[in-house]
């Protein structure tokens, strides 16, 4: 009906034709059948949208439950990958459901899906060369996940961006810095990654003592004061170790202390070790000349 009206509008050359078109439009909008069809179509579209939301909600809960079960598994190595795959599967399901919903809604609006899909294939072939970057992003994303280069929750540095991985999607990776910025990086641009979360870190602390200080006494004081740190500080894996004299200058000398700690916690551990060192040396009247 609407198609014939549009054609007549395009071919209208006199007032009578315009009047006829106007009359047909009025009749079409005034017809109870028209509003009945529109109402039924809107109800169907609403039901399709509700169904889509239900499907996405249910599948998301299923994926989240599977991820939580994997996290409780004794195979702790797979925990990071399970969380990342959970995010990826959720994205794939969401994209797929949304695409199907769009096709179903278009079908309810009277658009035939067969010619539409055929046209989409032609258009896809036409823009295929221009979509190479998109394909590269997706393929790189799969390699990142299955090679376990990094996972959700890891602290990484990608180029000049450093932060915690929030999400690895089909096309982009999102990381957040400790100051709150969110970096969105296309997977295809990820060429070199530094992962700070795979192995334990080493916190290195150098302190400078007066040249005439008793090095043996200072070493003994430090070792005794640091031995119980793992009990009081959860980030420290094993008791800090005083390696001994690191440098000897014209008027001072330095001692090096190292502490094995959980991934990406070395800065916090440094502050805790320095605070305890300062307190211990002050109690034993051992002079710290300047920070190393």
Protein backbone atom coordinates (compact mmCIF):
# COMPACT_ATOMS: atom_id res chain seq x y z
CA UNK A 1 0.00 0.00 0.00
CA UNK A 2 2.69 2.48 1.02
CA UNK A 3 4.79 1.57 -2.02
CA UNK A 4 1.98 2.49 -4.41
CA UNK A 5 1.43 5.77 -2.57
CA UNK A 6 5.10 6.69 -2.81
CA UNK A 7 5.15 5.93 -6.53
CA UNK A 8 2.12 8.13 -7.11
CA UNK A 9 3.74 10.97 -5.16
CA UNK A 10 6.80 10.77 -7.37
CA UNK A 11 4.69 10.87 -10.52
CA UNK A 12 2.19 13.47 -9.35
CA UNK A 13 1.81 16.23 -11.95
CA UNK A 14 -1.49 17.89 -11.12
CA UNK A 15 -3.69 18.80 -8.20
CA UNK A 16 -6.03 15.87 -8.72
CA UNK A 17 -3.22 13.38 -8.30
CA UNK A 18 -2.07 15.09 -5.10
CA UNK A 19 -5.61 15.06 -3.78
CA UNK A 20 -5.91 11.35 -4.54
CA UNK A 21 -2.63 10.64 -2.77
CA UNK A 22 -3.75 12.67 0.25
CA UNK A 23 -7.06 10.82 0.32
CA UNK A 24 -5.30 7.44 0.25
CA UNK A 25 -3.00 8.49 3.10
CA UNK A 26 -5.94 9.62 5.21
CA UNK A 27 -7.78 6.37 4.51
CA UNK A 28 -4.68 4.34 5.34
CA UNK A 29 -4.09 6.06 8.69
CA UNK A 30 -7.80 6.04 9.53
CA UNK A 31 -8.20 2.33 8.86
CA UNK A 32 -8.57 0.22 12.03
CA UNK A 33 -6.75 -2.62 10.29
CA UNK A 34 -3.68 -0.40 9.88
CA UNK A 35 -3.40 0.34 13.60
CA UNK A 36 -4.15 -3.26 14.44
CA UNK A 37 -1.24 -4.42 12.28
CA UNK A 38 1.02 -1.72 13.74
CA UNK A 39 0.06 -2.68 17.30
CA UNK A 40 0.66 -6.38 16.65
CA UNK A 41 4.03 -5.60 15.05
CA UNK A 42 5.11 -3.41 17.98
CA UNK A 43 4.07 -6.10 20.46
CA UNK A 44 6.07 -8.72 18.54
CA UNK A 45 9.11 -6.42 18.45
CA UNK A 46 8.80 -5.78 22.19
CA UNK A 47 8.58 -9.52 22.87
CA UNK A 48 11.65 -10.12 20.69
CA UNK A 49 13.62 -7.50 22.65
CA UNK A 50 12.51 -8.99 25.98
CA UNK A 51 13.44 -12.48 24.78
CA UNK A 52 16.87 -11.23 23.75
CA UNK A 53 17.49 -9.65 27.16
CA UNK A 54 16.40 -12.84 28.90
CA UNK A 55 18.72 -14.95 26.75
CA UNK A 56 21.69 -12.63 27.40
CA UNK A 57 20.99 -12.52 31.14
CA UNK A 58 20.67 -16.30 31.45
CA UNK A 59 23.78 -17.03 29.38
CA UNK A 60 25.77 -14.42 31.33
CA UNK A 61 24.84 -16.09 34.61
CA UNK A 62 25.77 -19.50 33.22
CA UNK A 63 29.16 -18.21 32.04
CA UNK A 64 29.80 -16.44 35.37
CA UNK A 65 28.96 -19.64 37.26
CA UNK A 66 31.32 -21.68 35.11
CA UNK A 67 34.08 -19.12 35.68
CA UNK A 68 33.54 -19.21 39.46
CA UNK A 69 33.67 -23.01 39.43
CA UNK A 70 36.93 -22.84 37.51
CA UNK A 71 38.33 -20.36 40.05
CA UNK A 72 37.58 -22.83 42.85
CA UNK A 73 39.37 -25.59 40.97
CA UNK A 74 42.72 -26.79 42.41
CA UNK A 75 44.26 -26.03 39.01
CA UNK A 76 45.03 -22.42 39.95
CA UNK A 77 47.06 -21.82 36.79
CA UNK A 78 43.83 -21.78 34.76
CA UNK A 79 42.09 -19.20 36.94
CA UNK A 80 43.29 -16.17 34.97
CA UNK A 81 42.45 -17.73 31.62
CA UNK A 82 39.02 -18.85 32.84
CA UNK A 83 38.11 -15.29 33.81
CA UNK A 84 39.35 -13.93 30.49
CA UNK A 85 37.54 -16.57 28.43
CA UNK A 86 34.40 -15.83 30.42
CA UNK A 87 34.56 -12.18 29.35
CA UNK A 88 35.21 -13.15 25.73
CA UNK A 89 32.38 -15.71 25.60
CA UNK A 90 30.04 -13.14 27.09
CA UNK A 91 30.96 -10.65 24.37
CA UNK A 92 30.49 -13.21 21.59
CA UNK A 93 27.07 -14.23 22.92
CA UNK A 94 26.00 -10.59 23.25
CA UNK A 95 27.06 -9.74 19.68
CA UNK A 96 25.38 -12.86 18.28
CA UNK A 97 22.09 -12.32 20.11
CA UNK A 98 21.98 -8.64 19.13
CA UNK A 99 22.58 -9.51 15.47
CA UNK A 100 19.79 -12.11 15.47
CA UNK A 101 17.45 -9.66 17.22
CA UNK A 102 18.06 -7.02 14.55
CA UNK A 103 17.27 -9.50 11.79
CA UNK A 104 14.08 -10.64 13.54
CA UNK A 105 12.93 -7.06 14.12
CA UNK A 106 13.57 -6.17 10.48
CA UNK A 107 11.56 -9.24 9.50
CA UNK A 108 8.61 -8.04 11.57
CA UNK A 109 8.82 -4.68 9.80
CA UNK A 110 8.33 -6.38 6.45
CA UNK A 111 11.92 -6.45 5.25
CA UNK A 112 12.69 -9.81 3.63
CA UNK A 113 15.77 -11.38 5.20
CA UNK A 114 16.86 -13.39 2.15
CA UNK A 115 17.63 -10.44 -0.14
CA UNK A 116 18.99 -8.54 2.86
CA UNK A 117 21.50 -11.26 3.70
CA UNK A 118 22.45 -11.62 0.04
CA UNK A 119 23.04 -7.90 -0.17
CA UNK A 120 25.05 -8.04 3.03
CA UNK A 121 27.27 -10.67 1.42
CA UNK A 122 27.89 -8.46 -1.58
CA UNK A 123 28.59 -5.45 0.61
CA UNK A 124 30.85 -7.56 2.82
CA UNK A 125 32.84 -8.63 -0.22
CA UNK A 126 33.09 -5.04 -1.39
CA UNK A 127 34.43 -3.73 1.92
CA UNK A 128 36.52 -6.81 2.69
CA UNK A 129 39.77 -5.11 1.79
CA UNK A 130 38.88 -2.20 4.05
CA UNK A 131 38.11 -4.52 6.98
CA UNK A 132 41.58 -6.02 7.19
CA UNK A 133 42.35 -4.12 10.40
CA UNK A 134 39.18 -5.48 12.01
CA UNK A 135 40.12 -9.06 11.09
CA UNK A 136 43.62 -8.45 12.41
CA UNK A 137 42.20 -7.18 15.72
CA UNK A 138 40.02 -10.27 16.15
CA UNK A 139 42.76 -12.77 15.25
CA UNK A 140 45.26 -11.06 17.54
CA UNK A 141 42.72 -11.13 20.36
CA UNK A 142 42.32 -14.90 20.05
CA UNK A 143 46.10 -15.42 20.06
CA UNK A 144 46.44 -13.23 23.17
CA UNK A 145 43.92 -15.39 25.02
CA UNK A 146 44.93 -18.87 23.91
CA UNK A 147 48.65 -18.18 24.28
CA UNK A 148 47.90 -16.74 27.73
CA UNK A 149 49.99 -13.65 27.05
CA UNK A 150 47.95 -11.76 29.63
CA UNK A 151 44.53 -12.08 31.22
CA UNK A 152 41.86 -10.06 32.97
CA UNK A 153 43.27 -8.73 36.25
CA UNK A 154 46.91 -8.75 35.11
CA UNK A 155 49.02 -5.61 35.36
CA UNK A 156 50.62 -5.03 31.96
CA UNK A 157 52.41 -2.41 29.95
CA UNK A 158 51.42 -2.10 26.29
CA UNK A 159 53.55 0.49 24.55
CA UNK A 160 53.41 3.58 26.76
CA UNK A 161 50.26 2.44 28.60
CA UNK A 162 50.49 0.62 31.92
CA UNK A 163 47.56 -0.59 33.97
CA UNK A 164 45.28 -3.45 35.00
CA UNK A 165 43.55 -5.43 32.25
CA UNK A 166 39.79 -4.86 32.59
CA UNK A 167 38.60 -6.71 29.50
CA UNK A 168 39.91 -8.54 26.44
CA UNK A 169 37.25 -8.27 23.75
CA UNK A 170 36.92 -9.45 20.19
CA UNK A 171 38.36 -6.20 18.87
CA UNK A 172 39.89 -4.18 21.69
CA UNK A 173 41.59 -4.59 25.05
CA UNK A 174 40.74 -2.24 27.91
CA UNK A 175 43.22 -1.46 30.66
CA UNK A 176 42.85 0.96 33.56
CA UNK A 177 45.72 2.91 35.09
CA UNK A 178 46.15 3.30 38.84
CA UNK A 179 44.99 6.92 38.49
CA UNK A 180 41.69 5.84 36.92
CA UNK A 181 42.18 6.37 33.18
CA UNK A 182 40.79 3.71 30.85
CA UNK A 183 42.92 2.91 27.80
CA UNK A 184 41.15 1.25 24.86
CA UNK A 185 43.70 -0.43 22.59
CA UNK A 186 42.84 -2.24 19.32
CA UNK A 187 44.19 -5.78 19.57
CA UNK A 188 45.91 -5.47 16.20
CA UNK A 189 48.14 -2.69 17.58
CA UNK A 190 49.43 -4.82 20.46
CA UNK A 191 52.93 -5.76 19.36
CA UNK A 192 54.91 -5.94 22.61
CA UNK A 193 53.59 -6.56 26.12
CA UNK A 194 55.25 -6.53 29.52
CA UNK A 195 53.27 -8.62 32.03
CA UNK A 196 53.97 -7.84 35.68
CA UNK A 197 51.55 -10.40 37.11
CA UNK A 198 52.82 -13.81 36.03
CA UNK A 199 55.65 -14.25 38.54
CA UNK A 200 56.52 -12.86 41.95
CA UNK A 201 58.32 -9.54 42.03
CA UNK A 202 61.50 -8.53 43.85
CA UNK A 203 61.54 -5.33 45.87
CA UNK A 204 65.06 -3.85 46.01
CA UNK A 205 65.95 -1.37 48.75
CA UNK A 206 69.35 0.33 49.06
CA UNK A 207 70.22 2.30 52.20
CA UNK A 208 73.29 4.47 52.70
CA UNK A 209 75.16 4.45 56.02
CA UNK A 210 77.92 6.59 57.39
CA UNK A 211 81.40 5.45 56.35
CA UNK A 212 82.41 4.57 59.92
CA UNK A 213 79.26 2.50 60.58
CA UNK A 214 79.58 -1.05 61.89
CA UNK A 215 78.41 -2.99 58.83
CA UNK A 216 78.12 -6.32 60.67
CA UNK A 217 76.00 -4.77 63.40
CA UNK A 218 73.79 -2.99 60.87
CA UNK A 219 73.33 -6.21 58.91
CA UNK A 220 72.40 -8.15 62.05
CA UNK A 221 69.94 -5.47 63.20
CA UNK A 222 68.27 -5.33 59.81
CA UNK A 223 68.01 -9.10 59.44
CA UNK A 224 66.45 -9.49 62.88
CA UNK A 225 63.98 -6.65 62.34
CA UNK A 226 62.88 -7.86 58.90
CA UNK A 227 62.53 -11.60 59.57
CA UNK A 228 58.88 -11.42 60.68
CA UNK A 229 57.62 -9.15 57.89
CA UNK A 230 55.82 -11.93 55.92
CA UNK A 231 53.67 -12.59 58.98
CA UNK A 232 52.54 -8.97 59.25
CA UNK A 233 52.48 -8.01 55.57
CA UNK A 234 50.53 -10.23 53.19
CA UNK A 235 52.27 -8.91 50.08
CA UNK A 236 55.67 -10.24 51.20
CA UNK A 237 56.25 -13.87 50.22
CA UNK A 238 59.44 -14.59 52.19
CA UNK A 239 61.55 -12.77 54.75
CA UNK A 240 63.60 -9.90 53.27
CA UNK A 241 67.26 -10.71 52.87
CA UNK A 242 70.17 -8.39 53.56
CA UNK A 243 72.59 -9.08 50.70
CA UNK A 244 75.36 -7.00 52.21
CA UNK A 245 77.44 -4.08 51.07
CA UNK A 246 76.43 -2.81 47.64
CA UNK A 247 78.70 0.22 47.12
CA UNK A 248 81.43 2.06 49.01
CA UNK A 249 81.95 5.73 48.29
CA UNK A 250 84.32 8.40 49.58
CA UNK A 251 82.23 9.20 52.66
CA UNK A 252 79.52 6.55 52.85
CA UNK A 253 78.60 2.99 52.01
CA UNK A 254 75.36 1.28 51.05
CA UNK A 255 73.63 -1.96 51.92
CA UNK A 256 71.16 -3.76 49.68
CA UNK A 257 68.04 -5.51 50.94
CA UNK A 258 65.73 -7.57 48.72
CA UNK A 259 62.27 -8.97 49.41
CA UNK A 260 60.29 -11.42 47.30
CA UNK A 261 56.71 -10.19 47.05
CA UNK A 262 53.49 -10.81 45.19
CA UNK A 263 53.29 -9.62 41.57
CA UNK A 264 53.23 -5.87 41.08
CA UNK A 265 53.49 -5.07 44.79
CA UNK A 266 57.17 -4.11 44.91
CA UNK A 267 56.56 -0.37 45.38
CA UNK A 268 54.30 -0.94 48.36
CA UNK A 269 56.75 -3.44 49.84
CA UNK A 270 59.63 -0.97 49.40
CA UNK A 271 57.77 1.60 51.46
CA UNK A 272 57.02 -0.94 54.20
CA UNK A 273 60.62 -2.19 54.30
CA UNK A 274 62.05 1.35 54.41
CA UNK A 275 59.76 2.32 57.28
CA UNK A 276 60.85 -0.71 59.32
CA UNK A 277 64.53 -0.15 58.47
CA UNK A 278 64.37 3.47 59.62
CA UNK A 279 62.77 2.48 62.92
CA UNK A 280 65.27 -0.35 63.59
CA UNK A 281 68.37 1.71 62.79
CA UNK A 282 67.17 4.66 64.86
CA UNK A 283 66.64 2.37 67.87
CA UNK A 284 70.24 1.14 67.59
CA UNK A 285 71.74 4.59 66.90
CA UNK A 286 72.95 3.62 63.42
CA UNK A 287 73.12 6.69 61.21
CA UNK A 288 71.54 6.80 57.75
CA UNK A 289 73.37 9.48 55.80
CA UNK A 290 71.04 9.89 52.80
CA UNK A 291 68.63 7.86 50.64
CA UNK A 292 70.44 5.72 48.07
